[in-house]
N, C-alpha and C. Protein backbone atom coordinates (compact mmCIF):
# COMPACT_ATOMS: atom_id res chain seq x y z
N MET A 1 0.79 -1.29 -0.11
CA MET A 1 -0.17 -0.31 -0.08
C MET A 1 0.97 1.23 0.06
N LYS A 2 0.38 2.37 -0.84
CA LYS A 2 1.28 3.70 -0.79
C LYS A 2 1.26 3.90 0.52
N LYS A 3 2.54 5.02 0.96
CA LYS A 3 2.65 5.43 2.09
C LYS A 3 1.98 6.83 2.35
N PHE A 4 1.08 6.86 3.31
CA PHE A 4 0.28 8.34 3.47
C PHE A 4 0.78 8.62 4.73
N PRO A 5 0.67 9.96 5.15
CA PRO A 5 1.01 10.57 6.43
C PRO A 5 0.47 9.77 7.67
N ASP A 6 0.71 9.81 8.82
CA ASP A 6 0.21 8.98 10.04
C ASP A 6 -0.58 10.20 10.87
N VAL A 7 -0.05 11.20 10.80
CA VAL A 7 -0.73 12.33 11.25
C VAL A 7 -1.21 13.48 10.21
N ILE A 8 -2.58 13.57 10.10
CA ILE A 8 -3.03 14.82 9.40
C ILE A 8 -3.75 15.61 9.82
N PRO A 9 -3.73 16.91 9.18
CA PRO A 9 -4.82 18.17 9.66
C PRO A 9 -5.91 17.54 8.85
N VAL A 10 -7.12 17.68 9.62
CA VAL A 10 -8.37 17.49 9.31
C VAL A 10 -9.48 18.36 9.43
N PHE A 11 -10.18 18.56 8.55
CA PHE A 11 -11.24 19.57 8.06
C PHE A 11 -12.71 18.83 8.81
N PRO A 12 -13.33 19.07 9.93
CA PRO A 12 -14.64 18.61 10.21
C PRO A 12 -15.54 19.24 9.68
N LEU A 13 -16.78 18.69 9.06
CA LEU A 13 -17.61 19.42 8.31
C LEU A 13 -18.93 18.33 8.39
N SER A 14 -20.05 19.21 8.78
CA SER A 14 -21.17 18.14 8.85
C SER A 14 -21.96 18.23 7.48
N GLY A 15 -22.24 16.93 7.22
CA GLY A 15 -22.95 16.92 5.75
C GLY A 15 -22.37 16.96 4.66
N VAL A 16 -20.71 16.93 4.69
CA VAL A 16 -19.98 16.80 3.40
C VAL A 16 -19.36 15.45 3.92
N ILE A 17 -19.56 14.60 2.74
CA ILE A 17 -18.61 13.44 2.66
C ILE A 17 -17.97 13.05 1.26
N TYR A 18 -16.95 12.64 1.14
CA TYR A 18 -16.61 12.48 -0.26
C TYR A 18 -15.65 11.10 -0.45
N PHE A 19 -15.24 10.74 -1.11
CA PHE A 19 -14.83 9.19 -1.45
C PHE A 19 -13.28 9.43 -2.25
N PRO A 20 -12.66 8.20 -2.11
CA PRO A 20 -11.38 8.17 -3.13
C PRO A 20 -11.99 8.21 -4.43
N LYS A 21 -11.14 8.82 -5.53
CA LYS A 21 -11.35 8.98 -6.73
C LYS A 21 -12.56 9.97 -7.19
N THR A 22 -12.92 10.99 -6.05
CA THR A 22 -14.01 11.95 -6.27
C THR A 22 -13.31 13.27 -6.22
N ASN A 23 -13.93 14.35 -6.65
CA ASN A 23 -13.06 15.48 -6.25
C ASN A 23 -14.43 16.36 -5.58
N LEU A 24 -14.02 17.13 -4.68
CA LEU A 24 -14.47 17.86 -3.78
C LEU A 24 -14.21 19.63 -3.90
N PRO A 25 -14.68 20.43 -4.36
CA PRO A 25 -14.24 21.54 -4.45
C PRO A 25 -14.68 22.53 -2.95
N LEU A 26 -13.96 23.15 -2.36
CA LEU A 26 -13.92 23.91 -1.21
C LEU A 26 -13.51 25.46 -1.35
N ASN A 27 -14.57 26.26 -0.77
CA ASN A 27 -14.33 27.74 -0.57
C ASN A 27 -13.97 28.04 0.87
N ILE A 28 -12.77 28.15 1.03
CA ILE A 28 -12.00 28.38 2.50
C ILE A 28 -12.02 29.91 2.82
N PHE A 29 -12.61 30.18 4.09
CA PHE A 29 -12.74 31.57 4.40
C PHE A 29 -12.34 31.83 5.64
N GLU A 30 -12.48 30.71 6.70
CA GLU A 30 -12.41 31.01 8.08
C GLU A 30 -10.73 30.77 8.48
N LYS A 31 -10.56 31.36 9.24
CA LYS A 31 -8.93 31.74 9.60
C LYS A 31 -8.34 30.48 9.96
N ARG A 32 -8.80 29.52 10.96
CA ARG A 32 -8.30 28.22 11.13
C ARG A 32 -8.15 27.32 9.90
N TYR A 33 -8.93 27.21 9.20
CA TYR A 33 -8.92 26.52 7.88
C TYR A 33 -8.37 27.13 6.74
N LEU A 34 -8.07 28.54 6.74
CA LEU A 34 -7.21 28.92 5.72
C LEU A 34 -5.77 28.53 6.26
N ASP A 35 -5.27 28.59 7.28
CA ASP A 35 -4.06 28.00 8.08
C ASP A 35 -4.22 26.59 7.67
N LEU A 36 -5.16 25.76 7.78
CA LEU A 36 -4.97 24.20 7.42
C LEU A 36 -4.60 24.11 6.11
N VAL A 37 -5.09 24.66 5.19
CA VAL A 37 -4.91 24.62 3.72
C VAL A 37 -3.51 25.03 3.34
N ASN A 38 -3.23 26.18 4.06
CA ASN A 38 -1.88 26.83 3.58
C ASN A 38 -1.05 25.90 4.00
N ASP A 39 -0.81 25.37 5.55
CA ASP A 39 0.20 24.57 5.94
C ASP A 39 0.08 23.38 5.03
N ALA A 40 -0.88 22.72 4.55
CA ALA A 40 -1.10 21.53 4.08
C ALA A 40 -0.48 21.69 2.66
N TYR A 41 -0.86 22.52 2.12
CA TYR A 41 -0.44 22.96 0.63
C TYR A 41 1.09 23.28 0.71
N ARG A 42 1.81 23.62 1.58
CA ARG A 42 3.22 24.08 1.47
C ARG A 42 3.83 22.58 2.19
N LYS A 43 3.19 21.68 2.95
CA LYS A 43 3.93 20.48 3.26
C LYS A 43 3.74 19.52 2.24
N ASP A 44 2.68 18.72 2.06
CA ASP A 44 2.69 17.49 1.09
C ASP A 44 1.08 17.77 0.43
N LYS A 45 0.49 18.66 0.65
CA LYS A 45 -0.70 18.96 -0.09
C LYS A 45 -1.87 17.85 0.16
N PHE A 46 -1.52 16.92 1.65
CA PHE A 46 -2.46 16.14 2.16
C PHE A 46 -3.45 16.84 3.27
N MET A 47 -4.69 16.52 2.87
CA MET A 47 -5.69 16.83 4.11
C MET A 47 -6.79 15.94 4.21
N GLY A 48 -7.37 15.82 5.64
CA GLY A 48 -8.61 14.82 5.49
C GLY A 48 -9.63 15.81 5.67
N MET A 49 -10.81 15.08 5.52
CA MET A 49 -12.09 15.40 5.70
C MET A 49 -12.94 14.48 6.69
N VAL A 50 -13.56 14.97 7.28
CA VAL A 50 -14.30 14.03 8.56
C VAL A 50 -15.53 14.51 8.83
N GLN A 51 -16.86 13.95 8.62
CA GLN A 51 -17.95 14.32 9.04
C GLN A 51 -17.93 14.70 10.43
N SER A 52 -18.60 15.81 11.00
CA SER A 52 -18.73 16.09 12.40
C SER A 52 -20.37 15.45 12.72
N LYS A 53 -20.18 15.26 14.14
CA LYS A 53 -21.51 14.83 14.66
C LYS A 53 -22.46 16.09 15.27
N LYS A 54 -23.30 15.42 15.52
CA LYS A 54 -24.04 16.84 16.04
C LYS A 54 -23.80 16.94 17.40
N GLU A 55 -23.32 16.14 18.26
CA GLU A 55 -23.05 16.35 19.50
C GLU A 55 -21.83 16.89 19.74
N GLY A 56 -21.86 18.12 20.30
CA GLY A 56 -20.54 19.00 20.79
C GLY A 56 -19.42 18.88 19.89
N ASN A 57 -18.13 18.39 19.99
CA ASN A 57 -17.06 18.78 18.96
C ASN A 57 -16.57 17.36 18.50
N THR A 58 -17.25 16.48 18.52
CA THR A 58 -17.13 15.10 17.99
C THR A 58 -17.16 14.78 16.69
N VAL A 59 -16.45 14.01 16.12
CA VAL A 59 -16.48 13.62 14.82
C VAL A 59 -16.50 11.97 14.56
N TYR A 60 -16.95 11.51 13.32
CA TYR A 60 -17.00 10.08 13.06
C TYR A 60 -15.72 9.42 12.88
N ASN A 61 -15.25 8.33 13.10
CA ASN A 61 -14.23 7.74 13.07
C ASN A 61 -13.27 7.44 11.68
N VAL A 62 -14.24 7.52 10.73
CA VAL A 62 -13.67 7.30 9.32
C VAL A 62 -13.94 8.37 8.49
N GLY A 63 -12.92 8.79 8.02
CA GLY A 63 -12.87 9.99 6.68
C GLY A 63 -12.16 9.73 5.53
N CYS A 64 -11.91 10.61 4.90
CA CYS A 64 -11.20 10.58 3.73
C CYS A 64 -10.02 11.47 3.53
N LEU A 65 -8.89 10.95 3.01
CA LEU A 65 -7.63 11.61 2.91
C LEU A 65 -7.85 12.47 1.70
N GLY A 66 -7.74 13.78 1.14
CA GLY A 66 -7.55 14.18 0.10
C GLY A 66 -6.39 14.71 -0.29
N LYS A 67 -5.93 15.01 -1.63
CA LYS A 67 -4.78 15.70 -2.04
C LYS A 67 -5.08 17.07 -2.64
N ILE A 68 -4.53 18.25 -2.29
CA ILE A 68 -4.99 19.59 -2.73
C ILE A 68 -4.45 19.36 -4.49
N SER A 69 -5.62 19.32 -5.35
CA SER A 69 -5.23 19.27 -6.84
C SER A 69 -5.05 20.66 -7.59
N ASP A 70 -5.83 21.59 -6.82
CA ASP A 70 -6.04 23.03 -7.17
C ASP A 70 -5.95 23.93 -6.11
N TYR A 71 -5.47 25.06 -6.38
CA TYR A 71 -5.24 25.83 -5.19
C TYR A 71 -5.21 27.64 -5.89
N GLN A 72 -6.58 28.36 -5.52
CA GLN A 72 -6.38 29.57 -5.99
C GLN A 72 -6.75 30.73 -4.75
N LYS A 73 -6.12 31.44 -4.83
CA LYS A 73 -6.25 33.00 -3.78
C LYS A 73 -7.13 33.84 -4.65
N SER A 74 -8.16 34.29 -3.84
CA SER A 74 -8.98 35.41 -4.25
C SER A 74 -8.52 36.66 -3.57
N LYS A 75 -9.26 37.53 -4.20
CA LYS A 75 -8.60 38.95 -4.13
C LYS A 75 -9.38 39.44 -2.23
N ASP A 76 -10.17 38.94 -1.97
CA ASP A 76 -11.05 38.97 -0.93
C ASP A 76 -10.41 38.05 0.56
N GLY A 77 -9.35 37.60 0.09
CA GLY A 77 -8.71 36.54 1.18
C GLY A 77 -9.11 35.43 1.35
N ARG A 78 -10.21 34.82 0.49
CA ARG A 78 -10.49 33.46 0.53
C ARG A 78 -9.55 32.87 -0.55
N ILE A 79 -9.59 31.03 -0.29
CA ILE A 79 -9.07 30.26 -0.86
C ILE A 79 -9.74 29.19 -1.43
N LEU A 80 -9.91 29.05 -2.74
CA LEU A 80 -10.57 28.18 -3.42
C LEU A 80 -9.75 26.82 -3.79
N ILE A 81 -9.95 25.99 -3.39
CA ILE A 81 -9.16 24.77 -3.34
C ILE A 81 -10.11 23.45 -4.29
N ASN A 82 -9.44 22.59 -4.83
CA ASN A 82 -10.14 21.08 -5.04
C ASN A 82 -9.34 20.12 -4.44
N LEU A 83 -10.09 19.27 -3.90
CA LEU A 83 -9.64 18.10 -3.31
C LEU A 83 -9.99 16.80 -4.01
N THR A 84 -8.99 16.08 -4.12
CA THR A 84 -8.92 14.71 -4.83
C THR A 84 -8.63 13.47 -3.98
N GLY A 85 -9.75 12.77 -3.72
CA GLY A 85 -9.86 11.74 -2.59
C GLY A 85 -9.06 10.70 -3.07
N VAL A 86 -8.06 10.42 -1.94
CA VAL A 86 -7.17 9.44 -2.19
C VAL A 86 -7.32 8.01 -1.44
N SER A 87 -7.36 8.05 -0.17
CA SER A 87 -7.90 6.91 0.55
C SER A 87 -8.65 7.23 2.17
N ARG A 88 -9.63 6.16 2.23
CA ARG A 88 -10.28 6.60 3.47
C ARG A 88 -9.15 6.22 4.57
N PHE A 89 -9.49 6.67 6.05
CA PHE A 89 -9.01 6.70 7.15
C PHE A 89 -9.85 6.24 8.25
N LYS A 90 -8.95 5.98 9.21
CA LYS A 90 -9.63 5.55 10.62
C LYS A 90 -8.98 6.24 11.64
N ILE A 91 -9.50 7.11 12.19
CA ILE A 91 -9.18 8.06 13.53
C ILE A 91 -8.72 7.14 14.34
N LEU A 92 -7.31 7.31 15.00
CA LEU A 92 -6.83 6.52 16.23
C LEU A 92 -6.96 7.53 17.36
N LYS A 93 -6.54 8.51 17.30
CA LYS A 93 -6.66 9.87 18.34
C LYS A 93 -6.36 11.03 17.70
N GLU A 94 -6.71 12.07 18.77
CA GLU A 94 -6.53 13.53 18.24
C GLU A 94 -5.43 14.05 18.97
N ILE A 95 -4.39 14.34 18.00
CA ILE A 95 -3.11 14.97 18.55
C ILE A 95 -3.20 16.57 18.91
N SER A 96 -2.91 16.60 20.56
CA SER A 96 -2.89 17.86 20.84
C SER A 96 -1.86 18.72 20.11
N CYS A 97 -2.21 19.90 19.97
CA CYS A 97 -1.35 21.06 19.09
C CYS A 97 -1.71 22.50 19.47
N LYS A 98 -0.91 23.38 19.05
CA LYS A 98 -1.23 24.78 19.49
C LYS A 98 -1.94 25.55 18.11
N LYS A 99 -2.14 24.79 17.09
CA LYS A 99 -2.54 25.07 16.03
C LYS A 99 -4.18 25.49 15.88
N LEU A 100 -4.45 26.51 15.33
CA LEU A 100 -6.22 26.64 15.44
C LEU A 100 -6.98 25.62 14.95
N TYR A 101 -6.43 24.74 14.02
CA TYR A 101 -7.05 23.48 13.46
C TYR A 101 -6.79 22.19 14.25
N ARG A 102 -7.46 21.37 13.77
CA ARG A 102 -7.22 19.98 14.51
C ARG A 102 -6.44 18.91 13.85
N GLU A 103 -5.69 18.27 14.31
CA GLU A 103 -4.84 17.10 13.93
C GLU A 103 -4.91 15.82 14.47
N PHE A 104 -5.21 14.67 13.50
CA PHE A 104 -5.35 13.14 14.25
C PHE A 104 -4.42 12.48 13.71
N GLN A 105 -3.95 11.55 14.69
CA GLN A 105 -3.34 10.16 14.03
C GLN A 105 -4.05 9.36 13.59
N VAL A 106 -3.86 8.66 12.33
CA VAL A 106 -4.95 8.06 11.53
C VAL A 106 -4.00 6.67 11.06
N GLU A 107 -4.89 5.80 10.57
CA GLU A 107 -4.45 4.43 9.64
C GLU A 107 -5.39 4.21 8.56
N TYR A 108 -4.53 3.35 7.67
CA TYR A 108 -5.35 3.30 6.15
C TYR A 108 -5.56 1.87 6.10
N LYS A 109 -4.95 0.96 6.96
CA LYS A 109 -4.98 -0.59 6.69
C LYS A 109 -6.14 -1.06 6.25
N ASP A 110 -7.46 -0.53 6.96
CA ASP A 110 -8.76 -1.17 6.43
C ASP A 110 -9.36 -0.94 5.13
N PHE A 111 -8.49 0.13 4.55
CA PHE A 111 -9.02 0.30 3.36
C PHE A 111 -7.98 0.59 2.03
N VAL A 112 -7.36 -0.73 2.01
CA VAL A 112 -6.33 -1.00 1.03
C VAL A 112 -6.76 -0.88 -0.31
N THR A 113 -8.06 -1.25 -0.84
CA THR A 113 -8.50 -1.41 -1.94
C THR A 113 -8.74 -0.07 -2.38
N ASP A 114 -8.68 0.89 -1.70
CA ASP A 114 -9.00 2.27 -2.20
C ASP A 114 -7.94 3.06 -3.18
N THR A 115 -6.85 2.21 -3.51
CA THR A 115 -5.68 2.86 -3.90
C THR A 115 -5.20 1.75 -5.08
N LYS A 116 -6.13 0.76 -5.08
CA LYS A 116 -5.75 -0.48 -6.01
C LYS A 116 -6.43 -0.30 -7.17
N GLU A 117 -5.97 -0.55 -8.41
CA GLU A 117 -6.75 -0.34 -9.59
C GLU A 117 -7.27 -1.89 -10.18
N GLU A 118 -8.44 -2.18 -9.57
CA GLU A 118 -8.73 -3.62 -9.40
C GLU A 118 -10.33 -3.40 -10.44
N GLU A 119 -10.53 -3.83 -11.60
CA GLU A 119 -11.76 -4.09 -12.26
C GLU A 119 -12.86 -4.85 -11.51
N SER A 120 -13.90 -3.97 -11.14
CA SER A 120 -14.95 -4.92 -10.32
C SER A 120 -15.88 -5.56 -11.43
N LYS A 121 -16.41 -6.90 -10.65
CA LYS A 121 -17.08 -7.58 -11.28
C LYS A 121 -18.74 -7.23 -11.28
N ILE A 122 -18.91 -6.15 -10.72
CA ILE A 122 -20.40 -5.82 -10.23
C ILE A 122 -21.17 -5.31 -11.35
N ASN A 123 -22.32 -5.60 -11.37
CA ASN A 123 -23.30 -4.96 -12.62
C ASN A 123 -23.87 -3.70 -12.11
N LEU A 124 -23.68 -2.71 -12.83
CA LEU A 124 -23.99 -1.40 -12.39
C LEU A 124 -25.33 -1.14 -13.01
N ILE A 125 -25.75 -1.80 -14.03
CA ILE A 125 -27.12 -1.38 -14.87
C ILE A 125 -28.44 -1.23 -13.79
N THR A 126 -28.47 -2.14 -12.98
CA THR A 126 -29.66 -2.14 -12.07
C THR A 126 -29.45 -0.89 -11.31
N ILE A 127 -28.44 -0.65 -10.48
CA ILE A 127 -28.24 0.57 -9.50
C ILE A 127 -28.37 1.98 -10.22
N GLU A 128 -27.71 1.90 -11.61
CA GLU A 128 -27.82 3.01 -12.07
C GLU A 128 -29.29 3.48 -12.66
N GLU A 129 -30.01 2.72 -13.09
CA GLU A 129 -31.33 2.77 -13.40
C GLU A 129 -32.28 3.35 -12.30
N LYS A 130 -32.12 2.61 -11.35
CA LYS A 130 -32.79 3.11 -10.01
C LYS A 130 -32.22 4.37 -9.57
N ALA A 131 -30.96 4.72 -9.93
CA ALA A 131 -30.51 6.27 -9.36
C ALA A 131 -31.03 7.12 -10.25
N LYS A 132 -31.40 7.05 -11.58
CA LYS A 132 -31.63 7.77 -12.61
C LYS A 132 -33.22 8.25 -11.78
N THR A 133 -34.11 7.43 -11.83
CA THR A 133 -35.27 7.64 -11.24
C THR A 133 -34.98 8.30 -9.70
N PHE A 134 -34.23 8.30 -8.93
CA PHE A 134 -34.15 8.71 -7.86
C PHE A 134 -33.62 10.02 -7.64
N PHE A 135 -32.61 10.35 -8.61
CA PHE A 135 -32.34 11.67 -8.85
C PHE A 135 -33.28 12.50 -9.59
N LYS A 136 -34.25 11.99 -10.51
CA LYS A 136 -34.81 12.66 -11.40
C LYS A 136 -36.21 13.19 -10.28
N LYS A 137 -36.58 12.30 -9.44
CA LYS A 137 -37.41 12.68 -8.23
C LYS A 137 -37.14 13.86 -7.66
N ASN A 138 -36.07 13.72 -7.05
CA ASN A 138 -35.02 14.96 -6.17
C ASN A 138 -34.71 15.92 -6.87
N GLY A 139 -35.07 16.14 -8.29
CA GLY A 139 -34.65 17.24 -8.91
C GLY A 139 -33.27 17.40 -9.08
N LEU A 140 -32.52 16.38 -9.16
CA LEU A 140 -30.86 16.48 -9.18
C LEU A 140 -30.57 15.95 -10.57
N LEU A 141 -29.60 16.61 -11.30
CA LEU A 141 -29.25 16.73 -12.62
C LEU A 141 -27.72 15.90 -12.70
N LEU A 142 -27.41 14.72 -13.71
CA LEU A 142 -26.26 14.06 -13.67
C LEU A 142 -25.99 13.98 -14.92
N ASN A 143 -24.84 14.51 -15.71
CA ASN A 143 -24.28 13.92 -16.92
C ASN A 143 -24.24 12.50 -17.01
N TRP A 144 -25.21 11.68 -17.50
CA TRP A 144 -25.22 10.31 -17.49
C TRP A 144 -23.95 9.62 -18.43
N LYS A 145 -23.90 10.60 -19.51
CA LYS A 145 -23.21 10.05 -20.52
C LYS A 145 -21.52 10.36 -20.16
N GLU A 146 -21.37 11.11 -19.40
CA GLU A 146 -20.06 11.17 -18.83
C GLU A 146 -19.69 10.43 -17.77
N PHE A 147 -20.59 10.30 -16.89
CA PHE A 147 -20.61 9.43 -15.88
C PHE A 147 -20.39 7.92 -16.14
N GLU A 148 -20.72 7.49 -17.31
CA GLU A 148 -20.60 6.07 -17.99
C GLU A 148 -19.25 5.91 -18.37
N LYS A 149 -18.53 7.25 -18.26
CA LYS A 149 -16.93 6.88 -18.55
C LYS A 149 -15.95 6.51 -17.56
N LEU A 150 -16.65 6.63 -16.43
CA LEU A 150 -15.70 6.31 -15.16
C LEU A 150 -15.35 4.93 -15.09
N ASP A 151 -14.59 4.60 -14.12
CA ASP A 151 -14.51 3.11 -13.97
C ASP A 151 -15.42 2.95 -12.54
N HIS A 152 -15.72 1.46 -12.44
CA HIS A 152 -16.76 1.24 -11.12
C HIS A 152 -16.74 1.80 -10.02
N MET A 153 -15.35 1.97 -9.47
CA MET A 153 -15.23 2.54 -7.99
C MET A 153 -15.70 4.19 -7.92
N GLN A 154 -15.20 4.75 -9.20
CA GLN A 154 -15.74 6.14 -9.28
C GLN A 154 -17.01 6.22 -9.32
N ARG A 155 -17.58 5.32 -10.29
CA ARG A 155 -19.25 5.54 -10.33
C ARG A 155 -20.02 5.27 -8.95
N ILE A 156 -19.52 4.17 -8.32
CA ILE A 156 -20.14 4.06 -6.98
C ILE A 156 -19.93 5.12 -5.92
N ASN A 157 -18.71 5.90 -6.10
CA ASN A 157 -18.29 6.52 -4.90
C ASN A 157 -19.05 7.89 -5.75
N THR A 158 -19.09 8.16 -6.63
CA THR A 158 -19.67 9.38 -7.17
C THR A 158 -21.24 9.51 -6.78
N LEU A 159 -21.86 8.45 -7.06
CA LEU A 159 -23.40 8.15 -6.62
C LEU A 159 -23.79 8.09 -5.07
N ALA A 160 -22.72 7.46 -4.47
CA ALA A 160 -22.78 7.79 -2.92
C ALA A 160 -22.68 9.23 -2.22
N MET A 161 -21.67 9.85 -2.91
CA MET A 161 -21.54 11.34 -2.46
C MET A 161 -22.72 12.18 -2.96
N ILE A 162 -23.19 12.07 -4.02
CA ILE A 162 -24.16 12.91 -4.44
C ILE A 162 -25.93 12.69 -4.08
N ALA A 163 -25.74 11.54 -3.71
CA ALA A 163 -27.23 10.96 -3.58
C ALA A 163 -28.11 11.88 -2.36
N PRO A 164 -29.12 12.05 -2.46
CA PRO A 164 -30.07 12.90 -1.48
C PRO A 164 -30.55 11.98 -0.49
N ILE A 165 -29.33 11.40 0.21
CA ILE A 165 -29.75 10.57 1.56
C ILE A 165 -29.11 11.24 2.79
N THR A 166 -29.45 10.63 4.27
CA THR A 166 -29.13 11.20 4.98
C THR A 166 -27.76 11.38 5.34
N ASN A 167 -27.07 12.30 6.12
CA ASN A 167 -25.56 11.95 6.50
C ASN A 167 -25.34 10.99 7.01
N GLU A 168 -25.99 10.32 7.97
CA GLU A 168 -25.99 8.90 8.82
C GLU A 168 -25.55 7.88 7.34
N GLU A 169 -26.47 7.80 6.51
CA GLU A 169 -26.49 6.66 5.68
C GLU A 169 -25.25 7.02 4.56
N LYS A 170 -24.79 8.31 4.34
CA LYS A 170 -23.71 8.52 3.81
C LYS A 170 -22.20 8.06 4.41
N GLN A 171 -22.59 8.38 5.58
CA GLN A 171 -21.29 7.61 6.38
C GLN A 171 -21.24 6.21 6.61
N LYS A 172 -22.42 5.57 6.44
CA LYS A 172 -22.51 3.94 6.45
C LYS A 172 -21.94 3.60 5.12
N LEU A 173 -21.88 4.26 3.82
CA LEU A 173 -21.40 4.21 2.84
C LEU A 173 -19.75 4.30 2.67
N LEU A 174 -19.36 5.23 3.45
CA LEU A 174 -18.15 5.91 3.53
C LEU A 174 -17.51 4.67 4.37
N GLU A 175 -18.00 3.95 5.13
CA GLU A 175 -17.31 2.92 6.33
C GLU A 175 -17.38 1.62 5.97
N ALA A 176 -18.27 1.40 4.52
CA ALA A 176 -18.44 0.25 3.82
C ALA A 176 -16.98 -0.50 3.51
N ILE A 177 -16.18 -1.29 3.95
CA ILE A 177 -14.99 -2.03 3.54
C ILE A 177 -14.74 -2.30 2.46
N SER A 178 -15.58 -3.04 1.62
CA SER A 178 -15.28 -3.53 0.08
C SER A 178 -16.01 -2.63 -0.64
N LEU A 179 -15.68 -2.77 -1.78
CA LEU A 179 -16.57 -1.97 -3.19
C LEU A 179 -17.98 -2.73 -3.24
N GLU A 180 -17.86 -3.94 -2.95
CA GLU A 180 -19.13 -4.94 -3.30
C GLU A 180 -20.07 -4.50 -1.71
N ASP A 181 -19.31 -4.16 -0.56
CA ASP A 181 -20.41 -4.03 0.55
C ASP A 181 -20.98 -2.40 0.33
N LYS A 182 -20.14 -1.70 -0.26
CA LYS A 182 -20.67 -0.18 -0.47
C LYS A 182 -21.83 -0.30 -1.55
N PHE A 183 -21.53 -1.11 -2.63
CA PHE A 183 -22.73 -1.15 -3.71
C PHE A 183 -23.74 -2.00 -3.31
N ASN A 184 -23.86 -2.90 -2.36
CA ASN A 184 -25.03 -3.46 -1.82
C ASN A 184 -25.81 -2.62 -0.67
N THR A 185 -24.80 -1.70 -0.22
CA THR A 185 -25.44 -0.57 0.74
C THR A 185 -26.11 0.04 0.22
N LEU A 186 -25.70 0.87 -0.92
CA LEU A 186 -26.08 1.71 -1.71
C LEU A 186 -27.41 1.49 -2.52
N GLU A 187 -27.34 0.36 -3.03
CA GLU A 187 -28.49 -0.16 -3.73
C GLU A 187 -29.83 -0.17 -2.70
N SER A 188 -29.41 -0.93 -1.66
CA SER A 188 -30.27 -1.10 -0.76
C SER A 188 -31.13 0.28 -0.07
N ILE A 189 -30.33 1.22 0.02
CA ILE A 189 -30.80 2.64 0.44
C ILE A 189 -31.58 3.32 -0.51
N ILE A 190 -30.94 3.31 -1.68
CA ILE A 190 -31.86 3.81 -3.20
C ILE A 190 -33.19 3.06 -2.97
N SER A 191 -32.84 1.70 -3.01
CA SER A 191 -34.25 0.77 -3.06
C SER A 191 -35.29 1.21 -2.20
N PHE A 192 -34.84 1.19 -1.16
CA PHE A 192 -35.61 2.02 0.43
C PHE A 192 -36.28 3.08 -0.08
N TYR A 193 -36.20 4.08 -0.61
CA TYR A 193 -36.48 5.45 -0.81
C TYR A 193 -37.33 5.45 -2.03
N LEU A 194 -37.04 4.57 -2.96
CA LEU A 194 -38.07 4.21 -4.39
C LEU A 194 -39.27 3.50 -3.61
N TYR A 195 -39.08 2.66 -3.09
CA TYR A 195 -40.19 1.69 -2.42
C TYR A 195 -40.94 2.44 -1.36
N ASP A 196 -40.36 3.47 -0.82
CA ASP A 196 -41.27 4.19 0.09
C ASP A 196 -42.05 5.12 -0.58
N THR A 197 -41.70 5.50 -1.82
CA THR A 197 -42.70 6.48 -2.50
C THR A 197 -43.15 5.82 -3.70
N GLY A 198 -42.93 4.42 -3.60
CA GLY A 198 -43.93 3.83 -4.83
C GLY A 198 -43.25 4.02 -6.19
N LEU A 199 -41.82 4.42 -6.11
CA LEU A 199 -41.17 4.51 -7.76
C LEU A 199 -40.39 3.49 -8.06
N ASN A 200 -40.42 2.36 -7.05
CA ASN A 200 -39.33 1.49 -7.06
C ASN A 200 -39.38 0.46 -8.73
N ASN A 201 -40.39 0.47 -9.36
CA ASN A 201 -40.50 -0.38 -10.63
C ASN A 201 -40.49 0.55 -11.81
N GLN A 202 -40.41 2.09 -11.28
CA GLN A 202 -40.05 2.94 -12.73
C GLN A 202 -38.62 3.15 -12.93
N THR A 203 -38.47 3.21 -14.25
CA THR A 203 -37.07 3.61 -14.66
C THR A 203 -37.19 4.85 -15.70
N ILE A 204 -36.04 5.54 -16.03
CA ILE A 204 -36.12 6.39 -16.95
C ILE A 204 -35.17 6.26 -18.32
N GLN A 205 -35.22 6.86 -19.52
CA GLN A 205 -34.03 6.62 -20.14
C GLN A 205 -33.04 7.77 -20.14
């Protein structure tokens, strides 16, 4: 497995979950996160994203390591970046530091498949048809022709990232170890919503 940093700066953000091989644009304006991004960009360009919980200052144990692939400063002091997902991580402990932002000791061993180029045998036709119906019902647009050019992992991760489901459901998808587990969980979630609204047997072209 590729070597990633054991201690990383982490941006906790409620409702924002992203996955390996997906892109996340961020508009940074708060002082502590401006410091985080600038420090990460000068060091190795790695930073973590993790979903914060509703209770206090706590975060979920699993997040995603990203690499800053685009960095632009605006005239008003904001920083616009693009994060490219690399690998999920599990938080071991928070590191005490004097910085404005938070740092965590993490490990990646549960998610070694995130960096492997393996072609999946998963049949995506059924879930994609369900996703088209589900997205249309919720007023979401996706360029399906471009989507079909992605590999299996990118397709499943993209659907999981943008699907109009709860934060807890997205976190469950993020924590699914294998691609097959993630696929089955995602299909189950989408099917539940479609069944709940009586749309499970409808598809669109």
